[in-house]
Amino acid sequence: MNEWERLRRQAQRYKENYPPGTRVMLLSMEDPWAPVPSGTRGTVEVVDDIGQLHMKWDNGRTLALVPGEDSFRKLTDAELREEQSESIAEAEEGPAMEM
């Protein structure tokens, strides 16, 4: 298999393993200019044809993850349930109103 085919297959695996909406946590990022802080969570928006995961980070950033350079992991089912519970609790509390 040639290099092009290997990279195409690798990008396809990333697309299958990280579909849009997948939640991940950044462990470390190798961006020397403006990395996203370690521990930041985000949502995969799309995986491009070269295998980069384009992210919407919870801190408002939109920097892509580069597999093999950046270190990250999917959130566990327990972490996803915890996030969901927090969202529900915040929605039930509603916005604070001052008079």
PDB file of N, CA and C in Angstrom:
ATOM      1  N   MET A   1       0.860  -1.172   0.000  1.00  0.00           N
ATOM      2  CA  MET A   1       0.000   0.000   0.000  1.00  0.00           C
ATOM      3  C   MET A   1       0.906   1.235   0.000  1.00  0.00           C
ATOM      4  N   ASN A   2       0.552   2.216  -0.820  1.00  0.00           N
ATOM      5  CA  ASN A   2       1.358   3.432  -0.880  1.00  0.00           C
ATOM      6  C   ASN A   2       0.997   4.378   0.268  1.00  0.00           C
ATOM      7  N   GLU A   3       1.805   5.423   0.435  1.00  0.00           N
ATOM      8  CA  GLU A   3       1.629   6.360   1.546  1.00  0.00           C
ATOM      9  C   GLU A   3       0.279   7.069   1.476  1.00  0.00           C
ATOM     10  N   TRP A   4      -0.149   7.469   0.284  1.00  0.00           N
ATOM     11  CA  TRP A   4      -1.433   8.148   0.123  1.00  0.00           C
ATOM     12  C   TRP A   4      -2.576   7.268   0.624  1.00  0.00           C
ATOM     13  N   GLU A   5      -2.551   6.014   0.238  1.00  0.00           N
ATOM     14  CA  GLU A   5      -3.617   5.089   0.659  1.00  0.00           C
ATOM     15  C   GLU A   5      -3.586   4.865   2.163  1.00  0.00           C
ATOM     16  N   ARG A   6      -2.402   4.765   2.743  1.00  0.00           N
ATOM     17  CA  ARG A   6      -2.283   4.586   4.188  1.00  0.00           C
ATOM     18  C   ARG A   6      -2.884   5.781   4.930  1.00  0.00           C
ATOM     19  N   LEU A   7      -2.564   6.990   4.487  1.00  0.00           N
ATOM     20  CA  LEU A   7      -3.089   8.188   5.126  1.00  0.00           C
ATOM     21  C   LEU A   7      -4.596   8.322   4.936  1.00  0.00           C
ATOM     22  N   ARG A   8      -5.096   7.937   3.768  1.00  0.00           N
ATOM     23  CA  ARG A   8      -6.534   7.974   3.508  1.00  0.00           C
ATOM     24  C   ARG A   8      -7.270   7.036   4.459  1.00  0.00           C
ATOM     25  N   ARG A   9      -6.735   5.832   4.634  1.00  0.00           N
ATOM     26  CA  ARG A   9      -7.351   4.862   5.546  1.00  0.00           C
ATOM     27  C   ARG A   9      -7.284   5.331   6.998  1.00  0.00           C
ATOM     28  N   GLN A  10      -6.176   5.947   7.358  1.00  0.00           N
ATOM     29  CA  GLN A  10      -6.031   6.460   8.718  1.00  0.00           C
ATOM     30  C   GLN A  10      -7.064   7.556   8.979  1.00  0.00           C
ATOM     31  N   ALA A  11      -7.241   8.481   8.046  1.00  0.00           N
ATOM     32  CA  ALA A  11      -8.239   9.540   8.192  1.00  0.00           C
ATOM     33  C   ALA A  11      -9.634   8.942   8.299  1.00  0.00           C
ATOM     34  N   GLN A  12      -9.909   7.896   7.527  1.00  0.00           N
ATOM     35  CA  GLN A  12     -11.218   7.240   7.581  1.00  0.00           C
ATOM     36  C   GLN A  12     -11.464   6.621   8.961  1.00  0.00           C
ATOM     37  N   ARG A  13     -10.427   6.034   9.556  1.00  0.00           N
ATOM     38  CA  ARG A  13     -10.568   5.468  10.910  1.00  0.00           C
ATOM     39  C   ARG A  13     -10.894   6.563  11.925  1.00  0.00           C
ATOM     40  N   TYR A  14     -10.226   7.716  11.798  1.00  0.00           N
ATOM     41  CA  TYR A  14     -10.532   8.821  12.706  1.00  0.00           C
ATOM     42  C   TYR A  14     -11.973   9.282  12.518  1.00  0.00           C
ATOM     43  N   LYS A  15     -12.436   9.349  11.279  1.00  0.00           N
ATOM     44  CA  LYS A  15     -13.822   9.747  11.014  1.00  0.00           C
ATOM     45  C   LYS A  15     -14.805   8.774  11.655  1.00  0.00           C
ATOM     46  N   GLU A  16     -14.481   7.486  11.618  1.00  0.00           N
ATOM     47  CA  GLU A  16     -15.356   6.468  12.206  1.00  0.00           C
ATOM     48  C   GLU A  16     -15.317   6.507  13.737  1.00  0.00           C
ATOM     49  N   ASN A  17     -14.130   6.740  14.305  1.00  0.00           N
ATOM     50  CA  ASN A  17     -13.968   6.719  15.763  1.00  0.00           C
ATOM     51  C   ASN A  17     -14.369   8.018  16.448  1.00  0.00           C
ATOM     52  N   TYR A  18     -14.387   9.114  15.706  1.00  0.00           N
ATOM     53  CA  TYR A  18     -14.698  10.425  16.279  1.00  0.00           C
ATOM     54  C   TYR A  18     -15.744  11.149  15.416  1.00  0.00           C
ATOM     55  N   PRO A  19     -16.952  10.611  15.342  1.00  0.00           N
ATOM     56  CA  PRO A  19     -17.986  11.281  14.537  1.00  0.00           C
ATOM     57  C   PRO A  19     -18.358  12.624  15.161  1.00  0.00           C
ATOM     58  N   PRO A  20     -18.969  13.512  14.362  1.00  0.00           N
ATOM     59  CA  PRO A  20     -19.403  14.792  14.922  1.00  0.00           C
ATOM     60  C   PRO A  20     -20.242  14.581  16.188  1.00  0.00           C
ATOM     61  N   GLY A  21     -19.957  15.412  17.197  1.00  0.00           N
ATOM     62  CA  GLY A  21     -20.664  15.303  18.475  1.00  0.00           C
ATOM     63  C   GLY A  21     -19.902  14.537  19.533  1.00  0.00           C
ATOM     64  N   THR A  22     -18.829  13.841  19.142  1.00  0.00           N
ATOM     65  CA  THR A  22     -18.020  13.101  20.115  1.00  0.00           C
ATOM     66  C   THR A  22     -17.362  14.084  21.071  1.00  0.00           C
ATOM     67  N   ARG A  23     -17.428  13.777  22.359  1.00  0.00           N
ATOM     68  CA  ARG A  23     -16.812  14.625  23.382  1.00  0.00           C
ATOM     69  C   ARG A  23     -15.430  14.078  23.727  1.00  0.00           C
ATOM     70  N   VAL A  24     -14.446  14.955  23.774  1.00  0.00           N
ATOM     71  CA  VAL A  24     -13.077  14.557  24.104  1.00  0.00           C
ATOM     72  C   VAL A  24     -12.499  15.495  25.157  1.00  0.00           C
ATOM     73  N   MET A  25     -11.431  15.022  25.793  1.00  0.00           N
ATOM     74  CA  MET A  25     -10.662  15.845  26.733  1.00  0.00           C
ATOM     75  C   MET A  25      -9.233  15.927  26.211  1.00  0.00           C
ATOM     76  N   LEU A  26      -8.709  17.129  26.171  1.00  0.00           N
ATOM     77  CA  LEU A  26      -7.337  17.352  25.745  1.00  0.00           C
ATOM     78  C   LEU A  26      -6.383  17.011  26.882  1.00  0.00           C
ATOM     79  N   LEU A  27      -5.389  16.200  26.600  1.00  0.00           N
ATOM     80  CA  LEU A  27      -4.357  15.880  27.585  1.00  0.00           C
ATOM     81  C   LEU A  27      -3.152  16.800  27.398  1.00  0.00           C
ATOM     82  N   SER A  28      -2.742  17.019  26.144  1.00  0.00           N
ATOM     83  CA  SER A  28      -1.679  17.982  25.851  1.00  0.00           C
ATOM     84  C   SER A  28      -1.741  18.341  24.374  1.00  0.00           C
ATOM     85  N   MET A  29      -1.268  19.552  24.071  1.00  0.00           N
ATOM     86  CA  MET A  29      -1.286  20.029  22.691  1.00  0.00           C
ATOM     87  C   MET A  29       0.086  20.558  22.332  1.00  0.00           C
ATOM     88  N   GLU A  30       0.554  20.194  21.162  1.00  0.00           N
ATOM     89  CA  GLU A  30       1.883  20.587  20.700  1.00  0.00           C
ATOM     90  C   GLU A  30       1.837  21.835  19.819  1.00  0.00           C
ATOM     91  N   ASP A  31       1.056  22.825  20.198  1.00  0.00           N
ATOM     92  CA  ASP A  31       0.991  24.088  19.468  1.00  0.00           C
ATOM     93  C   ASP A  31       1.812  25.104  20.247  1.00  0.00           C
ATOM     94  N   PRO A  32       2.974  25.518  19.731  1.00  0.00           N
ATOM     95  CA  PRO A  32       3.844  26.408  20.495  1.00  0.00           C
ATOM     96  C   PRO A  32       3.321  27.839  20.618  1.00  0.00           C
ATOM     97  N   TRP A  33       2.366  28.250  19.780  1.00  0.00           N
ATOM     98  CA  TRP A  33       1.920  29.646  19.778  1.00  0.00           C
ATOM     99  C   TRP A  33       0.686  29.881  20.637  1.00  0.00           C
ATOM    100  N   ALA A  34      -0.313  29.032  20.532  1.00  0.00           N
ATOM    101  CA  ALA A  34      -1.556  29.283  21.277  1.00  0.00           C
ATOM    102  C   ALA A  34      -2.283  27.978  21.568  1.00  0.00           C
ATOM    103  N   PRO A  35      -1.672  27.117  22.375  1.00  0.00           N
ATOM    104  CA  PRO A  35      -2.328  25.830  22.644  1.00  0.00           C
ATOM    105  C   PRO A  35      -3.590  25.989  23.492  1.00  0.00           C
ATOM    106  N   VAL A  36      -4.477  25.043  23.331  1.00  0.00           N
ATOM    107  CA  VAL A  36      -5.639  24.946  24.213  1.00  0.00           C
ATOM    108  C   VAL A  36      -5.119  24.329  25.511  1.00  0.00           C
ATOM    109  N   PRO A  37      -5.536  24.822  26.677  1.00  0.00           N
ATOM    110  CA  PRO A  37      -5.022  24.290  27.940  1.00  0.00           C
ATOM    111  C   PRO A  37      -5.363  22.808  28.149  1.00  0.00           C
ATOM    112  N   SER A  38      -4.425  22.071  28.711  1.00  0.00           N
ATOM    113  CA  SER A  38      -4.653  20.664  29.046  1.00  0.00           C
ATOM    114  C   SER A  38      -5.859  20.564  29.975  1.00  0.00           C
ATOM    115  N   GLY A  39      -6.657  19.514  29.794  1.00  0.00           N
ATOM    116  CA  GLY A  39      -7.840  19.305  30.613  1.00  0.00           C
ATOM    117  C   GLY A  39      -9.101  19.908  30.022  1.00  0.00           C
ATOM    118  N   THR A  40      -8.954  20.717  28.970  1.00  0.00           N
ATOM    119  CA  THR A  40     -10.119  21.333  28.339  1.00  0.00           C
ATOM    120  C   THR A  40     -10.915  20.265  27.601  1.00  0.00           C
ATOM    121  N   ARG A  41     -12.233  20.353  27.727  1.00  0.00           N
ATOM    122  CA  ARG A  41     -13.120  19.431  27.015  1.00  0.00           C
ATOM    123  C   ARG A  41     -13.692  20.130  25.786  1.00  0.00           C
ATOM    124  N   GLY A  42     -14.048  19.309  24.801  1.00  0.00           N
ATOM    125  CA  GLY A  42     -14.617  19.883  23.593  1.00  0.00           C
ATOM    126  C   GLY A  42     -15.414  18.864  22.811  1.00  0.00           C
ATOM    127  N   THR A  43     -16.039  19.345  21.750  1.00  0.00           N
ATOM    128  CA  THR A  43     -16.893  18.525  20.899  1.00  0.00           C
ATOM    129  C   THR A  43     -16.331  18.507  19.483  1.00  0.00           C
ATOM    130  N   VAL A  44     -16.233  17.307  18.903  1.00  0.00           N
ATOM    131  CA  VAL A  44     -15.777  17.171  17.522  1.00  0.00           C
ATOM    132  C   VAL A  44     -16.856  17.732  16.600  1.00  0.00           C
ATOM    133  N   GLU A  45     -16.441  18.635  15.713  1.00  0.00           N
ATOM    134  CA  GLU A  45     -17.369  19.158  14.722  1.00  0.00           C
ATOM    135  C   GLU A  45     -17.264  18.371  13.425  1.00  0.00           C
ATOM    136  N   VAL A  46     -16.033  18.067  13.014  1.00  0.00           N
ATOM    137  CA  VAL A  46     -15.806  17.299  11.786  1.00  0.00           C
ATOM    138  C   VAL A  46     -14.364  16.789  11.795  1.00  0.00           C
ATOM    139  N   VAL A  47     -14.142  15.668  11.135  1.00  0.00           N
ATOM    140  CA  VAL A  47     -12.789  15.171  10.892  1.00  0.00           C
ATOM    141  C   VAL A  47     -12.525  15.376   9.407  1.00  0.00           C
ATOM    142  N   ASP A  48     -11.459  16.093   9.083  1.00  0.00           N
ATOM    143  CA  ASP A  48     -11.185  16.394   7.675  1.00  0.00           C
ATOM    144  C   ASP A  48     -10.486  15.228   6.983  1.00  0.00           C
ATOM    145  N   ASP A  49     -10.199  15.402   5.702  1.00  0.00           N
ATOM    146  CA  ASP A  49      -9.640  14.311   4.900  1.00  0.00           C
ATOM    147  C   ASP A  49      -8.188  13.986   5.209  1.00  0.00           C
ATOM    148  N   ILE A  50      -7.526  14.793   6.028  1.00  0.00           N
ATOM    149  CA  ILE A  50      -6.172  14.430   6.456  1.00  0.00           C
ATOM    150  C   ILE A  50      -6.155  13.964   7.905  1.00  0.00           C
ATOM    151  N   GLY A  51      -7.355  13.811   8.508  1.00  0.00           N
ATOM    152  CA  GLY A  51      -7.471  13.216   9.830  1.00  0.00           C
ATOM    153  C   GLY A  51      -7.416  14.183  10.994  1.00  0.00           C
ATOM    154  N   GLN A  52      -7.448  15.494  10.740  1.00  0.00           N
ATOM    155  CA  GLN A  52      -7.475  16.451  11.837  1.00  0.00           C
ATOM    156  C   GLN A  52      -8.896  16.542  12.385  1.00  0.00           C
ATOM    157  N   LEU A  53      -9.011  16.599  13.702  1.00  0.00           N
ATOM    158  CA  LEU A  53     -10.311  16.720  14.352  1.00  0.00           C
ATOM    159  C   LEU A  53     -10.569  18.195  14.616  1.00  0.00           C
ATOM    160  N   HIS A  54     -11.530  18.755  13.902  1.00  0.00           N
ATOM    161  CA  HIS A  54     -11.886  20.166  14.093  1.00  0.00           C
ATOM    162  C   HIS A  54     -12.840  20.237  15.269  1.00  0.00           C
ATOM    163  N   MET A  55     -12.445  21.037  16.251  1.00  0.00           N
ATOM    164  CA  MET A  55     -13.091  21.037  17.556  1.00  0.00           C
ATOM    165  C   MET A  55     -13.802  22.336  17.866  1.00  0.00           C
ATOM    166  N   LYS A  56     -14.822  22.228  18.691  1.00  0.00           N
ATOM    167  CA  LYS A  56     -15.423  23.380  19.355  1.00  0.00           C
ATOM    168  C   LYS A  56     -15.144  23.140  20.834  1.00  0.00           C
ATOM    169  N   TRP A  57     -14.152  23.849  21.353  1.00  0.00           N
ATOM    170  CA  TRP A  57     -13.734  23.666  22.737  1.00  0.00           C
ATOM    171  C   TRP A  57     -14.698  24.381  23.672  1.00  0.00           C
ATOM    172  N   ASP A  58     -14.859  23.842  24.872  1.00  0.00           N
ATOM    173  CA  ASP A  58     -15.767  24.420  25.864  1.00  0.00           C
ATOM    174  C   ASP A  58     -15.350  25.833  26.284  1.00  0.00           C
ATOM    175  N   ASN A  59     -14.086  26.194  26.076  1.00  0.00           N
ATOM    176  CA  ASN A  59     -13.622  27.536  26.441  1.00  0.00           C
ATOM    177  C   ASN A  59     -13.804  28.536  25.300  1.00  0.00           C
ATOM    178  N   GLY A  60     -14.471  28.110  24.219  1.00  0.00           N
ATOM    179  CA  GLY A  60     -14.759  29.005  23.107  1.00  0.00           C
ATOM    180  C   GLY A  60     -13.787  28.915  21.945  1.00  0.00           C
ATOM    181  N   ARG A  61     -12.674  28.235  22.123  1.00  0.00           N
ATOM    182  CA  ARG A  61     -11.692  28.089  21.048  1.00  0.00           C
ATOM    183  C   ARG A  61     -12.189  27.101  19.998  1.00  0.00           C
ATOM    184  N   THR A  62     -11.559  27.136  18.807  1.00  0.00           N
ATOM    185  CA  THR A  62     -11.937  26.226  17.723  1.00  0.00           C
ATOM    186  C   THR A  62     -10.730  25.575  17.067  1.00  0.00           C
ATOM    187  N   LEU A  63      -9.646  25.440  17.774  1.00  0.00           N
ATOM    188  CA  LEU A  63      -8.415  24.869  17.232  1.00  0.00           C
ATOM    189  C   LEU A  63      -8.541  23.359  17.021  1.00  0.00           C
ATOM    190  N   ALA A  64      -8.042  22.863  15.884  1.00  0.00           N
ATOM    191  CA  ALA A  64      -8.116  21.438  15.551  1.00  0.00           C
ATOM    192  C   ALA A  64      -7.104  20.617  16.353  1.00  0.00           C
ATOM    193  N   LEU A  65      -7.455  19.348  16.554  1.00  0.00           N
ATOM    194  CA  LEU A  65      -6.535  18.366  17.133  1.00  0.00           C
ATOM    195  C   LEU A  65      -5.820  17.648  16.004  1.00  0.00           C
ATOM    196  N   VAL A  66      -4.534  17.396  16.199  1.00  0.00           N
ATOM    197  CA  VAL A  66      -3.748  16.658  15.212  1.00  0.00           C
ATOM    198  C   VAL A  66      -3.330  15.346  15.856  1.00  0.00           C
ATOM    199  N   PRO A  67      -4.010  14.228  15.511  1.00  0.00           N
ATOM    200  CA  PRO A  67      -3.629  12.935  16.075  1.00  0.00           C
ATOM    201  C   PRO A  67      -2.150  12.636  15.775  1.00  0.00           C
ATOM    202  N   GLY A  68      -1.477  12.097  16.775  1.00  0.00           N
ATOM    203  CA  GLY A  68      -0.056  11.800  16.620  1.00  0.00           C
ATOM    204  C   GLY A  68       0.831  12.922  17.145  1.00  0.00           C
ATOM    205  N   GLU A  69       0.282  14.141  17.185  1.00  0.00           N
ATOM    206  CA  GLU A  69       1.009  15.272  17.759  1.00  0.00           C
ATOM    207  C   GLU A  69       0.371  15.697  19.072  1.00  0.00           C
ATOM    208  N   ASP A  70      -0.956  15.796  19.073  1.00  0.00           N
ATOM    209  CA  ASP A  70      -1.686  16.179  20.273  1.00  0.00           C
ATOM    210  C   ASP A  70      -2.175  14.925  20.994  1.00  0.00           C
ATOM    211  N   SER A  71      -2.300  15.024  22.297  1.00  0.00           N
ATOM    212  CA  SER A  71      -2.751  13.893  23.099  1.00  0.00           C
ATOM    213  C   SER A  71      -4.144  14.200  23.640  1.00  0.00           C
ATOM    214  N   PHE A  72      -5.083  13.273  23.431  1.00  0.00           N
ATOM    215  CA  PHE A  72      -6.457  13.481  23.853  1.00  0.00           C
ATOM    216  C   PHE A  72      -7.130  12.131  24.027  1.00  0.00           C
ATOM    217  N   ARG A  73      -8.332  12.153  24.649  1.00  0.00           N
ATOM    218  CA  ARG A  73      -9.085  10.914  24.807  1.00  0.00           C
ATOM    219  C   ARG A  73     -10.577  11.235  24.765  1.00  0.00           C
ATOM    220  N   LYS A  74     -11.359  10.224  24.415  1.00  0.00           N
ATOM    221  CA  LYS A  74     -12.807  10.367  24.472  1.00  0.00           C
ATOM    222  C   LYS A  74     -13.229  10.410  25.929  1.00  0.00           C
ATOM    223  N   LEU A  75     -14.306  11.139  26.202  1.00  0.00           N
ATOM    224  CA  LEU A  75     -14.856  11.121  27.551  1.00  0.00           C
ATOM    225  C   LEU A  75     -15.520   9.769  27.790  1.00  0.00           C
ATOM    226  N   THR A  76     -15.431   9.287  29.009  1.00  0.00           N
ATOM    227  CA  THR A  76     -16.055   8.012  29.372  1.00  0.00           C
ATOM    228  C   THR A  76     -17.568   8.198  29.489  1.00  0.00           C
ATOM    229  N   ASP A  77     -18.290   7.095  29.516  1.00  0.00           N
ATOM    230  CA  ASP A  77     -19.746   7.154  29.703  1.00  0.00           C
ATOM    231  C   ASP A  77     -20.085   7.851  31.017  1.00  0.00           C
ATOM    232  N   ALA A  78     -19.316   7.577  32.073  1.00  0.00           N
ATOM    233  CA  ALA A  78     -19.563   8.212  33.374  1.00  0.00           C
ATOM    234  C   ALA A  78     -19.364   9.724  33.277  1.00  0.00           C
ATOM    235  N   GLU A  79     -18.331  10.168  32.578  1.00  0.00           N
ATOM    236  CA  GLU A  79     -18.089  11.603  32.414  1.00  0.00           C
ATOM    237  C   GLU A  79     -19.198  12.254  31.599  1.00  0.00           C
ATOM    238  N   LEU A  80     -19.678  11.553  30.583  1.00  0.00           N
ATOM    239  CA  LEU A  80     -20.781  12.081  29.775  1.00  0.00           C
ATOM    240  C   LEU A  80     -22.057  12.209  30.600  1.00  0.00           C
ATOM    241  N   ARG A  81     -22.331  11.200  31.443  1.00  0.00           N
ATOM    242  CA  ARG A  81     -23.510  11.269  32.318  1.00  0.00           C
ATOM    243  C   ARG A  81     -23.385  12.427  33.300  1.00  0.00           C
ATOM    244  N   GLU A  82     -22.190  12.629  33.832  1.00  0.00           N
ATOM    245  CA  GLU A  82     -21.941  13.729  34.770  1.00  0.00           C
ATOM    246  C   GLU A  82     -22.196  15.076  34.096  1.00  0.00           C
ATOM    247  N   GLU A  83     -21.699  15.233  32.873  1.00  0.00           N
ATOM    248  CA  GLU A  83     -21.945  16.473  32.138  1.00  0.00           C
ATOM    249  C   GLU A  83     -23.443  16.689  31.913  1.00  0.00           C
ATOM    250  N   GLN A  84     -24.128  15.617  31.565  1.00  0.00           N
ATOM    251  CA  GLN A  84     -25.566  15.713  31.324  1.00  0.00           C
ATOM    252  C   GLN A  84     -26.298  16.118  32.602  1.00  0.00           C
ATOM    253  N   SER A  85     -25.921  15.521  33.717  1.00  0.00           N
ATOM    254  CA  SER A  85     -26.546  15.855  34.998  1.00  0.00           C
ATOM    255  C   SER A  85     -26.319  17.315  35.348  1.00  0.00           C
ATOM    256  N   GLU A  86     -25.109  17.809  35.112  1.00  0.00           N
ATOM    257  CA  GLU A  86     -24.793  19.212  35.397  1.00  0.00           C
ATOM    258  C   GLU A  86     -25.633  20.132  34.518  1.00  0.00           C
ATOM    259  N   SER A  87     -25.805  19.771  33.248  1.00  0.00           N
ATOM    260  CA  SER A  87     -26.599  20.590  32.332  1.00  0.00           C
ATOM    261  C   SER A  87     -28.052  20.638  32.768  1.00  0.00           C
ATOM    262  N   ILE A  88     -28.579  19.497  33.199  1.00  0.00           N
ATOM    263  CA  ILE A  88     -29.968  19.434  33.657  1.00  0.00           C
ATOM    264  C   ILE A  88     -30.147  20.274  34.914  1.00  0.00           C
ATOM    265  N   ALA A  89     -29.207  20.162  35.853  1.00  0.00           N
ATOM    266  CA  ALA A  89     -29.287  20.929  37.097  1.00  0.00           C
ATOM    267  C   ALA A  89     -29.241  22.431  36.810  1.00  0.00           C
ATOM    268  N   GLU A  90     -28.377  22.848  35.899  1.00  0.00           N
ATOM    269  CA  GLU A  90     -28.293  24.266  35.544  1.00  0.00           C
ATOM    270  C   GLU A  90     -29.587  24.738  34.893  1.00  0.00           C
ATOM    271  N   ALA A  91     -30.186  23.898  34.043  1.00  0.00           N
ATOM    272  CA  ALA A  91     -31.434  24.270  33.374  1.00  0.00           C
ATOM    273  C   ALA A  91     -32.575  24.383  34.377  1.00  0.00           C
ATOM    274  N   GLU A  92     -32.592  23.502  35.362  1.00  0.00           N
ATOM    275  CA  GLU A  92     -33.654  23.524  36.370  1.00  0.00           C
ATOM    276  C   GLU A  92     -33.538  24.743  37.277  1.00  0.00           C
ATOM    277  N   GLU A  93     -32.297  25.162  37.564  1.00  0.00           N
ATOM    278  CA  GLU A  93     -32.100  26.329  38.402  1.00  0.00           C
ATOM    279  C   GLU A  93     -32.562  27.594  37.698  1.00  0.00           C
ATOM    280  N   GLY A  94     -32.392  27.625  36.402  1.00  0.00           N
ATOM    281  CA  GLY A  94     -32.789  28.784  35.616  1.00  0.00           C
ATOM    282  C   GLY A  94     -31.861  29.955  35.855  1.00  0.00           C
ATOM    283  N   PRO A  95     -32.047  30.996  35.078  1.00  0.00           N
ATOM    284  CA  PRO A  95     -31.169  32.169  35.228  1.00  0.00           C
ATOM    285  C   PRO A  95     -31.491  32.923  36.521  1.00  0.00           C
ATOM    286  N   ALA A  96     -30.477  33.460  37.115  1.00  0.00           N
ATOM    287  CA  ALA A  96     -30.658  34.270  38.317  1.00  0.00           C
ATOM    288  C   ALA A  96     -31.188  35.641  37.912  1.00  0.00           C
ATOM    289  N   MET A  97     -32.181  36.100  38.618  1.00  0.00           N
ATOM    290  CA  MET A  97     -32.767  37.400  38.314  1.00  0.00           C
ATOM    291  C   MET A  97     -32.596  38.320  39.514  1.00  0.00           C
ATOM    292  N   GLU A  98     -32.195  39.536  39.232  1.00  0.00           N
ATOM    293  CA  GLU A  98     -32.047  40.518  40.300  1.00  0.00           C
ATOM    294  C   GLU A  98     -33.151  41.540  40.170  1.00  0.00           C
ATOM    295  N   MET A  99     -33.535  42.106  41.307  1.00  0.00           N
ATOM    296  CA  MET A  99     -34.573  43.132  41.288  1.00  0.00           C
ATOM    297  C   MET A  99     -34.017  44.416  41.809  1.00  0.00           C
TER     298      MET A  99
END
